[in-house]
Amino acid sequence: MRRESGEGKAGCLLTLLVLIVFGFVCFRTIPVMIDKMDFEDQVERLVSEGGARGWDAESVKTQINDLIRNKQFTAVPEDVKVIGSLGRGGELRVDVKYSRTVDFAGYPYTFNFHTQAKSFVGAL
């Protein structure tokens, strides 16, 4: 008859603890990454449409700042740069630095992102 002495309990508890921590980090991180990817897609769409329709740089900058607020990111006004030529079919270039702070059980971590987008040249 085999006797059990409970030697495997520490390893099991340690593995369970690591899995719980990993799950918590993923739970807090994945939504931020999804918002970042969605933000980048929307900025690229906005820049492409703005370049094709001849939107001025301030209009595009205002829309990007609204998008930053809607996605709950933070950015200072100097970190949103829009350079573009006026007129229909002109080229727009956007450079955005933004961040979001997430609290990991009392430890705040700031995710810093940098997105660049460029419109194609030509009118719709």
Foldseek 3Di string as FASTA:
>chain_A
DDDDDCPCVVVVVVVVVVVVLVVLCCVQPVLVVVLVVVLLVVLQVLQQQCLQAFPDQVVSLVVNVVSCVVSVKDDDSVQWDWDWDGDHQTKIKIKHKIWDWTDDPNDIDIDIDIHIYMYHGYHD
